[in-house]
Amino acid sequence: IVEGDATDPWVIERVLRNVDHLVYAAGNLFPGATILETGSAAGELPPLLAVLDGLRRHPGATLTFISSGGAVYGIPEPLPVADAHPTNPIN
C-alpha cells in the first residue's frame, strides 16, 4: 500500500515500479455529480491524468479503469445502496 497524492509524479513512479497491472477505482460517489459540480471534475481529472501519464512510462503495465458503477442506481434511496437496490440509470 502506498499512500500519497496521485498527482505527485514521485508517488506515481513508486506505485508503478514493478507493477504489471493497475486497478484505478478513484472517483466521485455519484457519477452525475461531476457534471453538476465543476469543482468535482476539476478535482478528479488531475490524478487520473497523472496516473495515465505514469503508465505511458511503464509500457508493460495494463490498466483496469473502474467507472460509474453507481450510475446504474440513479438517485439512490436509501443510503448506503444495497446490491439489490432497483436500478434507475440517469445517464
N, C-alpha and C. Protein backbone atom coordinates (compact mmCIF):
# COMPACT_ATOMS: atom_id res chain seq x y z
N ILE A 1 0.86 -1.18 0.00
CA ILE A 1 0.00 0.00 0.00
C ILE A 1 0.89 1.23 0.00
N VAL A 2 0.60 2.13 -0.89
CA VAL A 2 1.32 3.39 -0.97
C VAL A 2 0.33 4.51 -0.75
N GLU A 3 0.58 5.33 0.23
CA GLU A 3 -0.27 6.48 0.47
C GLU A 3 0.42 7.71 -0.08
N GLY A 4 -0.34 8.57 -0.74
CA GLY A 4 0.23 9.80 -1.27
C GLY A 4 -0.71 10.47 -2.24
N ASP A 5 -0.28 11.60 -2.73
CA ASP A 5 -1.05 12.39 -3.67
C ASP A 5 -0.87 11.80 -5.07
N ALA A 6 -1.96 11.39 -5.69
CA ALA A 6 -1.88 10.75 -7.01
C ALA A 6 -1.48 11.71 -8.11
N THR A 7 -1.36 12.99 -7.82
CA THR A 7 -0.86 13.93 -8.82
C THR A 7 0.65 14.12 -8.69
N ASP A 8 1.26 13.54 -7.68
CA ASP A 8 2.70 13.67 -7.44
C ASP A 8 3.44 12.63 -8.28
N PRO A 9 4.26 13.06 -9.25
CA PRO A 9 4.96 12.10 -10.12
C PRO A 9 5.81 11.10 -9.33
N TRP A 10 6.40 11.51 -8.21
CA TRP A 10 7.21 10.59 -7.40
C TRP A 10 6.34 9.47 -6.85
N VAL A 11 5.14 9.80 -6.39
CA VAL A 11 4.22 8.79 -5.88
C VAL A 11 3.82 7.83 -7.00
N ILE A 12 3.50 8.37 -8.16
CA ILE A 12 3.10 7.54 -9.30
C ILE A 12 4.24 6.58 -9.67
N GLU A 13 5.45 7.08 -9.75
CA GLU A 13 6.59 6.22 -10.10
C GLU A 13 6.79 5.13 -9.05
N ARG A 14 6.63 5.48 -7.79
CA ARG A 14 6.79 4.50 -6.72
C ARG A 14 5.72 3.41 -6.83
N VAL A 15 4.50 3.81 -7.12
CA VAL A 15 3.40 2.85 -7.24
C VAL A 15 3.61 1.93 -8.44
N LEU A 16 4.05 2.48 -9.55
CA LEU A 16 4.15 1.70 -10.78
C LEU A 16 5.42 0.86 -10.88
N ARG A 17 6.36 1.08 -9.97
CA ARG A 17 7.59 0.29 -10.00
C ARG A 17 7.26 -1.19 -9.81
N ASN A 18 7.67 -2.02 -10.73
CA ASN A 18 7.46 -3.47 -10.67
C ASN A 18 5.99 -3.88 -10.69
N VAL A 19 5.14 -3.05 -11.26
CA VAL A 19 3.71 -3.37 -11.36
C VAL A 19 3.39 -3.72 -12.81
N ASP A 20 2.64 -4.80 -12.99
CA ASP A 20 2.25 -5.15 -14.36
C ASP A 20 0.77 -4.88 -14.62
N HIS A 21 0.00 -4.58 -13.55
CA HIS A 21 -1.41 -4.24 -13.73
C HIS A 21 -1.85 -3.30 -12.62
N LEU A 22 -2.59 -2.26 -13.00
CA LEU A 22 -3.09 -1.26 -12.06
C LEU A 22 -4.61 -1.21 -12.16
N VAL A 23 -5.28 -1.22 -11.01
CA VAL A 23 -6.73 -1.04 -10.97
C VAL A 23 -6.98 0.36 -10.43
N TYR A 24 -7.59 1.22 -11.25
CA TYR A 24 -7.88 2.60 -10.87
C TYR A 24 -9.35 2.68 -10.49
N ALA A 25 -9.62 2.94 -9.22
CA ALA A 25 -11.00 2.95 -8.74
C ALA A 25 -11.33 4.22 -7.97
N ALA A 26 -10.63 5.30 -8.26
CA ALA A 26 -10.88 6.56 -7.57
C ALA A 26 -11.96 7.34 -8.30
N GLY A 27 -12.74 8.10 -7.56
CA GLY A 27 -13.75 8.94 -8.20
C GLY A 27 -14.84 9.34 -7.24
N ASN A 28 -15.81 10.03 -7.78
CA ASN A 28 -16.93 10.55 -7.01
C ASN A 28 -17.94 9.44 -6.73
N LEU A 29 -18.58 9.49 -5.58
CA LEU A 29 -19.60 8.50 -5.21
C LEU A 29 -20.77 8.50 -6.19
N PHE A 30 -21.18 9.69 -6.63
CA PHE A 30 -22.31 9.82 -7.55
C PHE A 30 -21.80 10.36 -8.88
N PRO A 31 -21.74 9.53 -9.92
CA PRO A 31 -21.16 9.96 -11.20
C PRO A 31 -21.78 11.22 -11.77
N GLY A 32 -23.06 11.42 -11.65
CA GLY A 32 -23.70 12.62 -12.18
C GLY A 32 -23.25 13.89 -11.49
N ALA A 33 -22.71 13.77 -10.28
CA ALA A 33 -22.26 14.94 -9.54
C ALA A 33 -21.11 15.63 -10.25
N THR A 34 -20.30 14.90 -10.98
CA THR A 34 -19.18 15.50 -11.69
C THR A 34 -19.68 16.50 -12.72
N ILE A 35 -20.80 16.20 -13.35
CA ILE A 35 -21.37 17.11 -14.34
C ILE A 35 -21.91 18.36 -13.66
N LEU A 36 -22.51 18.20 -12.50
CA LEU A 36 -23.15 19.31 -11.81
C LEU A 36 -22.17 20.17 -11.02
N GLU A 37 -21.07 19.59 -10.58
CA GLU A 37 -20.12 20.31 -9.73
C GLU A 37 -18.80 20.48 -10.46
N THR A 38 -18.55 21.68 -10.94
CA THR A 38 -17.30 21.93 -11.66
C THR A 38 -16.10 21.58 -10.81
N GLY A 39 -16.15 21.88 -9.52
CA GLY A 39 -15.04 21.57 -8.63
C GLY A 39 -14.78 20.09 -8.52
N SER A 40 -15.81 19.28 -8.60
CA SER A 40 -15.66 17.84 -8.53
C SER A 40 -14.87 17.32 -9.71
N ALA A 41 -15.21 17.76 -10.91
CA ALA A 41 -14.49 17.33 -12.12
C ALA A 41 -13.06 17.81 -12.07
N ALA A 42 -12.87 19.04 -11.63
CA ALA A 42 -11.51 19.59 -11.56
C ALA A 42 -10.67 18.82 -10.56
N GLY A 43 -11.29 18.27 -9.52
CA GLY A 43 -10.55 17.50 -8.53
C GLY A 43 -10.26 16.08 -8.97
N GLU A 44 -11.09 15.52 -9.85
CA GLU A 44 -10.93 14.13 -10.28
C GLU A 44 -10.00 13.96 -11.47
N LEU A 45 -9.92 14.93 -12.34
CA LEU A 45 -9.12 14.77 -13.56
C LEU A 45 -7.61 14.77 -13.34
N PRO A 46 -7.03 15.67 -12.54
CA PRO A 46 -5.57 15.66 -12.40
C PRO A 46 -4.98 14.33 -11.91
N PRO A 47 -5.57 13.65 -10.90
CA PRO A 47 -5.00 12.36 -10.51
C PRO A 47 -5.07 11.32 -11.63
N LEU A 48 -6.19 11.27 -12.34
CA LEU A 48 -6.33 10.31 -13.43
C LEU A 48 -5.31 10.59 -14.53
N LEU A 49 -5.16 11.85 -14.91
CA LEU A 49 -4.20 12.20 -15.95
C LEU A 49 -2.78 11.89 -15.52
N ALA A 50 -2.45 12.10 -14.26
CA ALA A 50 -1.11 11.79 -13.76
C ALA A 50 -0.85 10.29 -13.81
N VAL A 51 -1.85 9.50 -13.44
CA VAL A 51 -1.70 8.04 -13.49
C VAL A 51 -1.53 7.58 -14.93
N LEU A 52 -2.34 8.10 -15.84
CA LEU A 52 -2.23 7.72 -17.25
C LEU A 52 -0.86 8.11 -17.81
N ASP A 53 -0.37 9.28 -17.43
CA ASP A 53 0.95 9.71 -17.87
C ASP A 53 2.02 8.77 -17.32
N GLY A 54 1.88 8.38 -16.07
CA GLY A 54 2.83 7.43 -15.48
C GLY A 54 2.81 6.09 -16.18
N LEU A 55 1.63 5.65 -16.58
CA LEU A 55 1.51 4.37 -17.29
C LEU A 55 2.20 4.42 -18.66
N ARG A 56 2.23 5.60 -19.27
CA ARG A 56 2.93 5.73 -20.56
C ARG A 56 4.42 5.44 -20.39
N ARG A 57 4.96 5.74 -19.22
CA ARG A 57 6.37 5.48 -18.96
C ARG A 57 6.63 4.04 -18.53
N HIS A 58 5.57 3.25 -18.38
CA HIS A 58 5.66 1.84 -18.00
C HIS A 58 4.84 1.03 -19.00
N PRO A 59 5.35 0.88 -20.23
CA PRO A 59 4.54 0.28 -21.30
C PRO A 59 4.10 -1.15 -21.04
N GLY A 60 4.72 -1.87 -20.13
CA GLY A 60 4.29 -3.24 -19.85
C GLY A 60 3.10 -3.32 -18.92
N ALA A 61 2.78 -2.22 -18.25
CA ALA A 61 1.68 -2.22 -17.29
C ALA A 61 0.35 -2.02 -17.99
N THR A 62 -0.66 -2.76 -17.54
CA THR A 62 -2.01 -2.62 -18.08
C THR A 62 -2.89 -1.95 -17.03
N LEU A 63 -4.06 -1.52 -17.45
CA LEU A 63 -4.94 -0.74 -16.59
C LEU A 63 -6.36 -1.28 -16.64
N THR A 64 -6.98 -1.39 -15.46
CA THR A 64 -8.42 -1.59 -15.36
C THR A 64 -8.97 -0.31 -14.74
N PHE A 65 -9.86 0.36 -15.47
CA PHE A 65 -10.44 1.62 -15.02
C PHE A 65 -11.88 1.35 -14.59
N ILE A 66 -12.14 1.49 -13.31
CA ILE A 66 -13.48 1.25 -12.78
C ILE A 66 -14.20 2.59 -12.74
N SER A 67 -15.34 2.66 -13.41
CA SER A 67 -16.02 3.94 -13.55
C SER A 67 -17.53 3.77 -13.55
N SER A 68 -18.21 4.70 -12.93
CA SER A 68 -19.67 4.84 -12.99
C SER A 68 -20.45 3.65 -12.49
N GLY A 69 -19.90 2.90 -11.57
CA GLY A 69 -20.64 1.78 -11.02
C GLY A 69 -21.95 2.21 -10.37
N GLY A 70 -21.96 3.38 -9.74
CA GLY A 70 -23.16 3.87 -9.08
C GLY A 70 -24.20 4.44 -10.02
N ALA A 71 -23.82 4.67 -11.28
CA ALA A 71 -24.75 5.30 -12.22
C ALA A 71 -25.97 4.44 -12.51
N VAL A 72 -25.85 3.13 -12.36
CA VAL A 72 -26.99 2.28 -12.68
C VAL A 72 -28.12 2.43 -11.67
N TYR A 73 -27.83 2.95 -10.48
CA TYR A 73 -28.86 3.07 -9.44
C TYR A 73 -29.65 4.37 -9.55
N GLY A 74 -29.18 5.33 -10.33
CA GLY A 74 -29.87 6.61 -10.40
C GLY A 74 -29.73 7.35 -9.09
N ILE A 75 -30.79 7.97 -8.63
CA ILE A 75 -30.79 8.65 -7.32
C ILE A 75 -31.10 7.58 -6.28
N PRO A 76 -30.09 7.18 -5.49
CA PRO A 76 -30.29 6.06 -4.57
C PRO A 76 -31.14 6.43 -3.36
N GLU A 77 -31.99 5.49 -2.97
CA GLU A 77 -32.77 5.59 -1.74
C GLU A 77 -32.84 4.20 -1.15
N PRO A 78 -32.51 3.91 0.01
CA PRO A 78 -31.78 4.72 0.99
C PRO A 78 -30.28 4.54 0.81
N LEU A 79 -29.54 5.25 1.64
CA LEU A 79 -28.09 5.08 1.68
C LEU A 79 -27.72 4.29 2.91
N PRO A 80 -26.75 3.43 2.90
CA PRO A 80 -25.93 3.06 1.75
C PRO A 80 -26.74 2.22 0.77
N VAL A 81 -26.30 2.20 -0.47
CA VAL A 81 -27.00 1.48 -1.54
C VAL A 81 -26.66 -0.01 -1.46
N ALA A 82 -27.69 -0.83 -1.37
CA ALA A 82 -27.50 -2.28 -1.34
C ALA A 82 -27.43 -2.80 -2.77
N ASP A 83 -26.79 -3.95 -2.96
CA ASP A 83 -26.69 -4.54 -4.29
C ASP A 83 -28.07 -4.83 -4.89
N ALA A 84 -29.05 -5.08 -4.05
CA ALA A 84 -30.39 -5.41 -4.53
C ALA A 84 -31.23 -4.16 -4.83
N HIS A 85 -30.67 -2.96 -4.65
CA HIS A 85 -31.40 -1.72 -4.91
C HIS A 85 -31.88 -1.71 -6.36
N PRO A 86 -33.12 -1.29 -6.63
CA PRO A 86 -33.60 -1.26 -8.00
C PRO A 86 -32.77 -0.29 -8.85
N THR A 87 -32.56 -0.65 -10.11
CA THR A 87 -31.80 0.21 -10.99
C THR A 87 -32.71 1.23 -11.66
N ASN A 88 -32.17 2.42 -11.83
CA ASN A 88 -32.88 3.50 -12.48
C ASN A 88 -31.83 4.47 -13.03
N PRO A 89 -31.08 4.04 -14.07
CA PRO A 89 -29.96 4.83 -14.57
C PRO A 89 -30.35 6.25 -14.96
N ILE A 90 -29.45 7.20 -14.66
CA ILE A 90 -29.70 8.59 -15.01
C ILE A 90 -28.85 9.06 -16.17
N ASN A 91 -27.91 8.21 -16.61
CA ASN A 91 -27.09 8.58 -17.79
C ASN A 91 -26.62 7.35 -18.51
